[in-house]
Amino acid sequence: MPDGTIEPKKGRKYDQVLEGARVVFMADGFEGASVDDIARAANVSKATLYSYFPDKRFLFMQVAKTECQRQADLAIASIDVEAPIRQVLHDIASEMVEFITSKFGKQIFRICVGESDRFPELGREFYHSGPILVRTKLIDFFEEGVARGDLKIDDFELAADQFHELAKATLFPKMVCNIVDEFSAEEKERVINGAVDVFLAYYGT
């Protein structure tokens, strides 16, 4: 069984297969998605699909990794790091909240965690493609804030993890437990502002 850390074979139709899989996984989830449907959506044969991705779990993880990286790149591009530190943190938290409450963000978490007992490589790969990626990007922002004199941080990894958790407060537990699946703009803004306030109260200069 391929492990999530194995790099897939790249080729002419790799992106085409990946996009078809993303569409089907988004619509049907992991269990509901069939290889036949994915091949049809990608407009390739099953043989071509299997030449790139040996099984559905491996294909799903590549979709998840690609989407997480794409979302992170889009978020970074939309943030003005030269803005006042409160605005920068607000924008970062906003992007994080939008992703974790998005349909795809929720599906990734539920599928990877739900399948992690049977297939530990899914959980491990999700951890590195999600939380660790977020931590790395946050550390980059925080180092810039410290260099500008806006923040005072000794343990960057801990600070990044703390900010990530603050931005998920209230929202994430309700989603995970299926208490609430959608949140209003006001509910999100309340959590975002609270995260920024608490973080700056401790780490701000």
Protein backbone atom coordinates (compact mmCIF):
# COMPACT_ATOMS: atom_id res chain seq x y z
CA MET A 1 0.00 0.00 0.00
CA PRO A 2 1.53 3.36 -0.93
CA ASP A 3 2.28 5.72 1.91
CA GLY A 4 1.11 9.34 1.77
CA THR A 5 4.72 10.51 1.81
CA ILE A 6 5.48 8.87 -1.56
CA GLU A 7 5.61 11.36 -4.37
CA PRO A 8 3.28 10.48 -7.27
CA LYS A 9 4.50 10.03 -10.79
CA LYS A 10 4.10 13.27 -12.73
CA GLY A 11 3.07 13.32 -16.36
CA ARG A 12 1.06 15.06 -19.04
CA LYS A 13 -2.34 14.27 -17.51
CA TYR A 14 -1.38 14.48 -13.84
CA ASP A 15 -3.07 17.86 -13.23
CA GLN A 16 -6.10 16.74 -15.24
CA VAL A 17 -6.57 13.67 -13.03
CA LEU A 18 -6.00 15.70 -9.87
CA GLU A 19 -8.63 18.28 -10.84
CA GLY A 20 -11.17 15.58 -11.72
CA ALA A 21 -10.56 13.94 -8.36
CA ARG A 22 -10.95 17.25 -6.53
CA VAL A 23 -14.34 17.83 -8.16
CA VAL A 24 -15.61 14.34 -7.29
CA PHE A 25 -14.26 14.32 -3.72
CA MET A 26 -15.84 17.73 -3.11
CA ALA A 27 -19.20 16.52 -4.39
CA ASP A 28 -19.31 12.96 -2.99
CA GLY A 29 -16.79 12.81 -0.15
CA PHE A 30 -14.17 10.10 0.21
CA GLU A 31 -16.42 7.08 0.62
CA GLY A 32 -18.91 8.19 -2.03
CA ALA A 33 -16.28 8.93 -4.65
CA SER A 34 -15.62 6.07 -7.07
CA VAL A 35 -12.60 5.60 -9.30
CA ASP A 36 -14.97 5.35 -12.27
CA ASP A 37 -16.49 8.74 -11.45
CA ILE A 38 -13.07 10.32 -10.98
CA ALA A 39 -11.79 8.95 -14.29
CA ARG A 40 -14.94 10.20 -16.00
CA ALA A 41 -14.62 13.68 -14.46
CA ALA A 42 -10.96 13.85 -15.45
CA ASN A 43 -11.76 12.57 -18.96
CA VAL A 44 -9.14 9.83 -18.72
CA SER A 45 -9.21 6.04 -18.64
CA LYS A 46 -8.97 4.13 -15.37
CA ALA A 47 -5.65 2.76 -16.58
CA THR A 48 -4.32 6.29 -16.95
CA LEU A 49 -5.60 7.22 -13.50
CA TYR A 50 -3.94 4.20 -11.89
CA SER A 51 -0.69 4.96 -13.69
CA TYR A 52 -0.46 8.13 -11.60
CA PHE A 53 -2.25 7.12 -8.39
CA PRO A 54 -2.21 3.46 -7.24
CA ASP A 55 -5.30 3.79 -5.03
CA LYS A 56 -8.04 6.18 -3.93
CA ARG A 57 -6.53 7.06 -0.54
CA PHE A 58 -3.25 8.08 -2.15
CA LEU A 59 -5.14 10.15 -4.71
CA PHE A 60 -7.19 11.85 -2.00
CA MET A 61 -4.09 12.82 -0.05
CA GLN A 62 -2.51 14.37 -3.13
CA VAL A 63 -5.71 16.36 -3.71
CA ALA A 64 -5.70 17.47 -0.06
CA LYS A 65 -2.02 18.45 -0.13
CA THR A 66 -2.42 20.39 -3.35
CA GLU A 67 -5.54 22.19 -2.13
CA CYS A 68 -4.00 23.09 1.24
CA GLN A 69 -0.94 24.53 -0.50
CA ARG A 70 -3.10 26.40 -3.02
CA GLN A 71 -5.23 27.91 -0.27
CA ALA A 72 -2.13 28.90 1.69
CA ASP A 73 -0.59 30.57 -1.36
CA LEU A 74 -3.81 32.47 -2.10
CA ALA A 75 -4.07 33.59 1.52
CA ILE A 76 -0.49 34.85 1.59
CA ALA A 77 -0.98 36.75 -1.66
CA SER A 78 -4.01 38.54 -0.22
CA ILE A 79 -2.30 39.72 2.98
CA ASP A 80 -0.44 43.01 3.13
CA VAL A 81 2.41 42.27 5.52
CA GLU A 82 3.33 45.96 5.59
CA ALA A 83 -0.02 46.86 7.20
CA PRO A 84 -0.28 47.51 10.98
CA ILE A 85 0.24 44.29 12.95
CA ARG A 86 -3.38 44.14 14.15
CA GLN A 87 -4.62 44.27 10.56
CA VAL A 88 -2.10 41.62 9.46
CA LEU A 89 -3.17 39.26 12.24
CA HIS A 90 -6.84 39.93 11.50
CA ASP A 91 -6.33 39.10 7.83
CA ILE A 92 -4.39 35.92 8.65
CA ALA A 93 -7.07 34.75 11.09
CA SER A 94 -9.79 35.56 8.56
CA GLU A 95 -8.13 33.38 5.92
CA MET A 96 -7.72 30.55 8.42
CA VAL A 97 -11.34 30.72 9.51
CA GLU A 98 -12.60 30.79 5.93
CA PHE A 99 -10.62 27.66 5.12
CA ILE A 100 -11.56 25.58 8.16
CA THR A 101 -15.24 26.46 7.72
CA SER A 102 -15.22 25.83 3.96
CA LYS A 103 -16.80 22.68 2.56
CA PHE A 104 -13.45 21.35 1.43
CA GLY A 105 -11.70 22.20 4.70
CA LYS A 106 -14.34 20.37 6.70
CA GLN A 107 -14.24 17.35 4.40
CA ILE A 108 -10.46 17.07 4.58
CA PHE A 109 -10.47 17.10 8.38
CA ARG A 110 -13.35 14.66 8.80
CA ILE A 111 -12.06 12.20 6.22
CA CYS A 112 -8.45 12.20 7.36
CA VAL A 113 -9.26 11.95 11.06
CA GLY A 114 -12.07 9.46 10.48
CA GLU A 115 -9.81 7.18 8.45
CA SER A 116 -6.64 7.66 10.51
CA ASP A 117 -7.20 4.58 12.72
CA ARG A 118 -7.42 2.26 9.71
CA PHE A 119 -4.94 4.19 7.58
CA PRO A 120 -2.47 6.08 9.82
CA GLU A 121 -0.66 7.51 6.79
CA LEU A 122 -3.73 9.66 6.07
CA GLY A 123 -3.61 11.24 9.51
CA ARG A 124 0.13 11.81 9.35
CA GLU A 125 -0.02 13.31 5.90
CA PHE A 126 -2.94 15.55 6.86
CA TYR A 127 -0.98 16.80 9.88
CA HIS A 128 1.95 17.83 7.70
CA SER A 129 -0.21 19.23 4.89
CA GLY A 130 -2.51 21.14 7.25
CA PRO A 131 -1.40 22.13 10.77
CA ILE A 132 2.34 22.02 10.06
CA LEU A 133 1.91 24.05 6.87
CA VAL A 134 -0.12 26.64 8.80
CA ARG A 135 2.51 26.75 11.54
CA THR A 136 5.30 27.34 9.03
CA LYS A 137 3.46 30.20 7.33
CA LEU A 138 2.55 31.81 10.65
CA ILE A 139 6.15 31.66 11.86
CA ASP A 140 7.21 33.56 8.72
CA PHE A 141 4.69 36.32 9.52
CA PHE A 142 5.63 36.43 13.20
CA GLU A 143 9.34 36.71 12.45
CA GLU A 144 8.55 39.70 10.27
CA GLY A 145 6.48 41.20 13.11
CA VAL A 146 9.33 40.73 15.57
CA ALA A 147 11.81 42.29 13.13
CA ARG A 148 9.54 45.33 12.86
CA GLY A 149 9.26 45.60 16.64
CA ASP A 150 5.50 44.83 16.68
CA LEU A 151 5.78 41.46 18.41
CA LYS A 152 7.93 39.92 21.13
CA ILE A 153 8.12 36.14 20.73
CA ASP A 154 10.63 33.67 22.11
CA ASP A 155 8.99 30.38 21.08
CA PHE A 156 7.72 30.86 17.54
CA GLU A 157 6.30 27.36 17.13
CA LEU A 158 4.25 27.65 20.32
CA ALA A 159 3.02 31.12 19.38
CA ALA A 160 1.98 29.88 15.93
CA ASP A 161 0.09 26.91 17.38
CA GLN A 162 -1.60 29.16 19.93
CA PHE A 163 -2.77 31.64 17.31
CA HIS A 164 -4.07 28.80 15.15
CA GLU A 165 -6.10 27.44 18.06
CA LEU A 166 -7.40 30.88 19.03
CA ALA A 167 -8.69 31.41 15.49
CA LYS A 168 -10.65 28.14 15.71
CA ALA A 169 -12.20 28.79 19.12
CA THR A 170 -15.93 28.08 19.36
CA LEU A 171 -16.25 27.42 15.61
CA PHE A 172 -14.15 24.29 15.26
CA PRO A 173 -15.57 22.26 18.18
CA LYS A 174 -19.12 22.92 16.97
CA MET A 175 -18.24 21.78 13.46
CA VAL A 176 -16.41 18.64 14.59
CA CYS A 177 -19.33 17.59 16.79
CA ASN A 178 -21.88 18.48 14.08
CA ILE A 179 -23.58 21.01 16.34
CA VAL A 180 -23.42 23.73 13.71
CA ASP A 181 -22.21 23.43 10.13
CA GLU A 182 -22.47 27.06 8.97
CA PHE A 183 -21.53 30.32 10.69
CA SER A 184 -22.55 33.89 10.03
CA ALA A 185 -20.06 36.61 9.18
CA GLU A 186 -20.72 38.13 12.61
CA GLU A 187 -19.91 34.88 14.41
CA LYS A 188 -16.66 34.50 12.50
CA GLU A 189 -15.67 38.11 13.09
CA ARG A 190 -16.26 37.73 16.83
CA VAL A 191 -13.83 34.81 17.00
CA ILE A 192 -11.27 36.49 14.72
CA ASN A 193 -11.22 39.72 16.75
CA GLY A 194 -11.01 37.74 19.98
CA ALA A 195 -8.05 35.76 18.67
CA VAL A 196 -6.19 38.92 17.68
CA ASP A 197 -6.96 40.65 21.00
CA VAL A 198 -5.74 37.74 23.12
CA PHE A 199 -2.63 37.17 21.01
CA LEU A 200 -1.59 40.84 21.05
CA ALA A 201 -2.30 41.11 24.77
CA TYR A 202 0.50 38.60 25.37
CA TYR A 203 2.83 38.92 22.39
CA GLY A 204 2.29 42.50 21.29
CA THR A 205 4.79 45.23 22.13
